[in-house]
Amino acid sequence: MAHPRPLSPHLGIYRWRVNMLQSVLHRLTGLALCLGALLVTWGLIAAADSEAAWQVFTGFWGSGVGLVLLFLWTWALLFHLCNGIQHLVRDAGRNFGPPTRDRSRSPVYWRSGRWVIAISVALTVLVWVLLAVRVQAA
C-alpha cells in the first residue's frame, strides 16, 4: 500500500553549517567530559588504594594513548566552555534583530561559531605548550 502522505525531508535537505557542527560537538564533548570524569574517579580510587594501583594509573596516562586521550579531553573541556559562553551571549539576544536577519549575508553566529572552534583549539594547544614547558623546567 502506498503512503498517502510524503515522508518528512529529514536531514537530506539541509546544508551542513557551523552551528550544526557546534551542536553535535557540544553533545559529544559533554559525553566525553562525563567519560573523563569516570577516569578521574579511577585516578582518585587508585591514589587511595595502593602504590601498585597508582602505578597502573600513571602508566596508562603516561602512554601515547593516555596522552592523546588527555589532549582530547582538554579540548573537549575548553570547547564545551567556549561554546557555553557563546550560548550565554546569544541568549542575551545580541544580533538577532531584524537588521541581522536579512538573507543577504550569513548570520553573525556562523562567524562566531568558527571563532569558538578556533579559540578552543588554540587554548588547548596553549595549555599543552605551558604543560610541556613546566615539565621541561622541572
C-alpha atoms as a PDB file:
ATOM      1  CA  MET A   1       0.000   0.000   0.000  1.00  0.00           C
ATOM      2  CA  ALA A   2       1.384   3.406  -0.950  1.00  0.00           C
ATOM      3  CA  HIS A   3       1.826   6.008   1.735  1.00  0.00           C
ATOM      4  CA  PRO A   4      -0.867   8.675   1.439  1.00  0.00           C
ATOM      5  CA  ARG A   5       1.467  11.360   2.759  1.00  0.00           C
ATOM      6  CA  PRO A   6       5.070  12.099   1.825  1.00  0.00           C
ATOM      7  CA  LEU A   7       7.808  11.478   4.366  1.00  0.00           C
ATOM      8  CA  SER A   8       9.439  14.388   6.116  1.00  0.00           C
ATOM      9  CA  PRO A   9      12.593  15.566   4.339  1.00  0.00           C
ATOM     10  CA  HIS A  10      14.775  14.918   7.404  1.00  0.00           C
ATOM     11  CA  LEU A  11      18.488  15.781   7.125  1.00  0.00           C
ATOM     12  CA  GLY A  12      18.956  15.276   3.411  1.00  0.00           C
ATOM     13  CA  ILE A  13      17.726  18.767   2.526  1.00  0.00           C
ATOM     14  CA  TYR A  14      19.908  20.705   4.955  1.00  0.00           C
ATOM     15  CA  ARG A  15      23.304  22.140   4.098  1.00  0.00           C
ATOM     16  CA  TRP A  16      25.893  21.457   6.781  1.00  0.00           C
ATOM     17  CA  ARG A  17      26.608  24.659   8.684  1.00  0.00           C
ATOM     18  CA  VAL A  18      28.954  25.550  11.505  1.00  0.00           C
ATOM     19  CA  ASN A  19      26.124  25.871  14.034  1.00  0.00           C
ATOM     20  CA  MET A  20      25.099  22.276  13.248  1.00  0.00           C
ATOM     21  CA  LEU A  21      28.699  21.185  13.816  1.00  0.00           C
ATOM     22  CA  GLN A  22      28.761  23.093  17.107  1.00  0.00           C
ATOM     23  CA  SER A  23      25.582  21.397  18.254  1.00  0.00           C
ATOM     24  CA  VAL A  24      26.949  17.939  17.512  1.00  0.00           C
ATOM     25  CA  LEU A  25      30.343  18.747  19.056  1.00  0.00           C
ATOM     26  CA  HIS A  26      28.718  20.200  22.178  1.00  0.00           C
ATOM     27  CA  ARG A  27      26.831  16.962  22.757  1.00  0.00           C
ATOM     28  CA  LEU A  28      29.853  14.778  22.003  1.00  0.00           C
ATOM     29  CA  THR A  29      32.176  16.820  24.224  1.00  0.00           C
ATOM     30  CA  GLY A  30      29.601  16.661  27.024  1.00  0.00           C
ATOM     31  CA  LEU A  31      29.666  12.881  26.708  1.00  0.00           C
ATOM     32  CA  ALA A  32      33.476  12.882  26.605  1.00  0.00           C
ATOM     33  CA  LEU A  33      33.587  15.002  29.765  1.00  0.00           C
ATOM     34  CA  CYS A  34      31.321  12.517  31.546  1.00  0.00           C
ATOM     35  CA  LEU A  35      33.545   9.630  30.496  1.00  0.00           C
ATOM     36  CA  GLY A  36      36.608  11.644  31.524  1.00  0.00           C
ATOM     37  CA  ALA A  37      35.057  12.168  34.948  1.00  0.00           C
ATOM     38  CA  LEU A  38      34.963   8.383  35.321  1.00  0.00           C
ATOM     39  CA  LEU A  39      38.678   8.273  34.522  1.00  0.00           C
ATOM     40  CA  VAL A  40      39.345  10.967  37.117  1.00  0.00           C
ATOM     41  CA  THR A  41      37.425   8.799  39.570  1.00  0.00           C
ATOM     42  CA  TRP A  42      39.686   5.899  38.605  1.00  0.00           C
ATOM     43  CA  GLY A  43      42.676   8.084  39.499  1.00  0.00           C
ATOM     44  CA  LEU A  44      41.214   9.048  42.868  1.00  0.00           C
ATOM     45  CA  ILE A  45      40.454   5.434  43.708  1.00  0.00           C
ATOM     46  CA  ALA A  46      43.945   4.381  42.575  1.00  0.00           C
ATOM     47  CA  ALA A  47      45.535   7.090  44.730  1.00  0.00           C
ATOM     48  CA  ALA A  48      43.548   5.953  47.740  1.00  0.00           C
ATOM     49  CA  ASP A  49      44.065   2.238  47.130  1.00  0.00           C
ATOM     50  CA  SER A  50      47.744   1.368  46.806  1.00  0.00           C
ATOM     51  CA  GLU A  51      51.043   2.238  45.208  1.00  0.00           C
ATOM     52  CA  ALA A  52      50.573  -0.543  42.660  1.00  0.00           C
ATOM     53  CA  ALA A  53      47.150   0.789  41.611  1.00  0.00           C
ATOM     54  CA  TRP A  54      48.603   4.282  41.265  1.00  0.00           C
ATOM     55  CA  GLN A  55      51.459   2.945  39.117  1.00  0.00           C
ATOM     56  CA  VAL A  56      48.950   1.293  36.775  1.00  0.00           C
ATOM     57  CA  PHE A  57      47.002   4.550  36.545  1.00  0.00           C
ATOM     58  CA  THR A  58      50.041   6.733  35.867  1.00  0.00           C
ATOM     59  CA  GLY A  59      51.440   4.143  33.467  1.00  0.00           C
ATOM     60  CA  PHE A  60      48.275   4.330  31.388  1.00  0.00           C
ATOM     61  CA  TRP A  61      48.149   8.137  31.315  1.00  0.00           C
ATOM     62  CA  GLY A  62      51.863   8.354  30.555  1.00  0.00           C
ATOM     63  CA  SER A  63      51.482   6.135  27.484  1.00  0.00           C
ATOM     64  CA  GLY A  64      50.852   7.504  23.999  1.00  0.00           C
ATOM     65  CA  VAL A  65      47.176   6.535  24.107  1.00  0.00           C
ATOM     66  CA  GLY A  66      46.763   8.160  27.508  1.00  0.00           C
ATOM     67  CA  LEU A  67      48.387  11.405  26.373  1.00  0.00           C
ATOM     68  CA  VAL A  68      46.173  11.567  23.271  1.00  0.00           C
ATOM     69  CA  LEU A  69      43.102  10.977  25.452  1.00  0.00           C
ATOM     70  CA  LEU A  70      44.224  13.730  27.843  1.00  0.00           C
ATOM     71  CA  PHE A  71      44.780  16.120  24.926  1.00  0.00           C
ATOM     72  CA  LEU A  72      41.323  15.358  23.517  1.00  0.00           C
ATOM     73  CA  TRP A  73      39.738  15.649  26.957  1.00  0.00           C
ATOM     74  CA  THR A  74      41.383  19.045  27.398  1.00  0.00           C
ATOM     75  CA  TRP A  75      39.977  20.159  24.047  1.00  0.00           C
ATOM     76  CA  ALA A  76      36.537  18.793  24.952  1.00  0.00           C
ATOM     77  CA  LEU A  77      36.583  20.776  28.199  1.00  0.00           C
ATOM     78  CA  LEU A  78      37.692  24.006  26.527  1.00  0.00           C
ATOM     79  CA  PHE A  79      35.309  23.645  23.568  1.00  0.00           C
ATOM     80  CA  HIS A  80      32.406  22.958  25.919  1.00  0.00           C
ATOM     81  CA  LEU A  81      33.372  26.034  27.960  1.00  0.00           C
ATOM     82  CA  CYS A  82      33.758  28.331  24.925  1.00  0.00           C
ATOM     83  CA  ASN A  83      30.545  27.072  23.345  1.00  0.00           C
ATOM     84  CA  GLY A  84      28.681  27.574  26.622  1.00  0.00           C
ATOM     85  CA  ILE A  85      29.935  31.162  26.840  1.00  0.00           C
ATOM     86  CA  GLN A  86      28.779  31.755  23.275  1.00  0.00           C
ATOM     87  CA  HIS A  87      25.349  30.374  24.188  1.00  0.00           C
ATOM     88  CA  LEU A  88      25.137  32.782  27.128  1.00  0.00           C
ATOM     89  CA  VAL A  89      25.951  35.706  24.853  1.00  0.00           C
ATOM     90  CA  ARG A  90      23.447  34.571  22.239  1.00  0.00           C
ATOM     91  CA  ASP A  91      20.779  34.052  24.904  1.00  0.00           C
ATOM     92  CA  ALA A  92      21.088  37.767  25.676  1.00  0.00           C
ATOM     93  CA  GLY A  93      19.569  38.353  22.229  1.00  0.00           C
ATOM     94  CA  ARG A  94      22.547  40.081  20.635  1.00  0.00           C
ATOM     95  CA  ASN A  95      22.490  40.282  16.820  1.00  0.00           C
ATOM     96  CA  PHE A  96      19.100  38.606  16.438  1.00  0.00           C
ATOM     97  CA  GLY A  97      17.049  41.676  15.489  1.00  0.00           C
ATOM     98  CA  PRO A  98      15.509  42.403  12.074  1.00  0.00           C
ATOM     99  CA  PRO A  99      18.656  44.125  10.683  1.00  0.00           C
ATOM    100  CA  THR A 100      20.680  40.926  11.076  1.00  0.00           C
ATOM    101  CA  ARG A 101      18.015  38.548   9.791  1.00  0.00           C
ATOM    102  CA  ASP A 102      18.067  39.562   6.144  1.00  0.00           C
ATOM    103  CA  ARG A 103      19.100  36.857   3.717  1.00  0.00           C
ATOM    104  CA  SER A 104      21.789  38.933   2.010  1.00  0.00           C
ATOM    105  CA  ARG A 105      24.601  37.711   4.299  1.00  0.00           C
ATOM    106  CA  SER A 106      25.486  34.889   6.674  1.00  0.00           C
ATOM    107  CA  PRO A 107      24.188  35.188  10.225  1.00  0.00           C
ATOM    108  CA  VAL A 108      26.590  36.557  12.823  1.00  0.00           C
ATOM    109  CA  TYR A 109      26.505  33.349  14.829  1.00  0.00           C
ATOM    110  CA  TRP A 110      28.114  31.398  11.943  1.00  0.00           C
ATOM    111  CA  ARG A 111      31.199  33.588  12.198  1.00  0.00           C
ATOM    112  CA  SER A 112      31.229  33.353  15.988  1.00  0.00           C
ATOM    113  CA  GLY A 113      30.819  29.576  15.715  1.00  0.00           C
ATOM    114  CA  ARG A 114      34.008  29.341  13.705  1.00  0.00           C
ATOM    115  CA  TRP A 115      35.721  31.511  16.311  1.00  0.00           C
ATOM    116  CA  VAL A 116      34.546  29.224  19.129  1.00  0.00           C
ATOM    117  CA  ILE A 117      36.113  26.202  17.441  1.00  0.00           C
ATOM    118  CA  ALA A 118      39.331  28.067  16.631  1.00  0.00           C
ATOM    119  CA  ILE A 119      39.678  29.533  20.144  1.00  0.00           C
ATOM    120  CA  SER A 120      39.080  26.150  21.783  1.00  0.00           C
ATOM    121  CA  VAL A 121      41.812  24.572  19.642  1.00  0.00           C
ATOM    122  CA  ALA A 122      44.186  27.491  20.356  1.00  0.00           C
ATOM    123  CA  LEU A 123      43.532  27.300  24.113  1.00  0.00           C
ATOM    124  CA  THR A 124      44.127  23.544  24.086  1.00  0.00           C
ATOM    125  CA  VAL A 125      47.455  23.963  22.325  1.00  0.00           C
ATOM    126  CA  LEU A 126      48.374  26.781  24.730  1.00  0.00           C
ATOM    127  CA  VAL A 127      47.580  24.630  27.785  1.00  0.00           C
ATOM    128  CA  TRP A 128      49.688  21.762  26.463  1.00  0.00           C
ATOM    129  CA  VAL A 129      52.583  24.022  25.498  1.00  0.00           C
ATOM    130  CA  LEU A 130      52.551  25.514  29.007  1.00  0.00           C
ATOM    131  CA  LEU A 131      52.448  21.991  30.486  1.00  0.00           C
ATOM    132  CA  ALA A 132      55.398  20.932  28.304  1.00  0.00           C
ATOM    133  CA  VAL A 133      57.395  23.998  29.379  1.00  0.00           C
ATOM    134  CA  ARG A 134      56.572  23.262  33.002  1.00  0.00           C
ATOM    135  CA  VAL A 135      57.664  19.635  32.674  1.00  0.00           C
ATOM    136  CA  GLN A 136      60.903  20.654  30.946  1.00  0.00           C
ATOM    137  CA  ALA A 137      61.667  23.139  33.728  1.00  0.00           C
ATOM    138  CA  ALA A 138      61.149  20.541  36.449  1.00  0.00           C
END
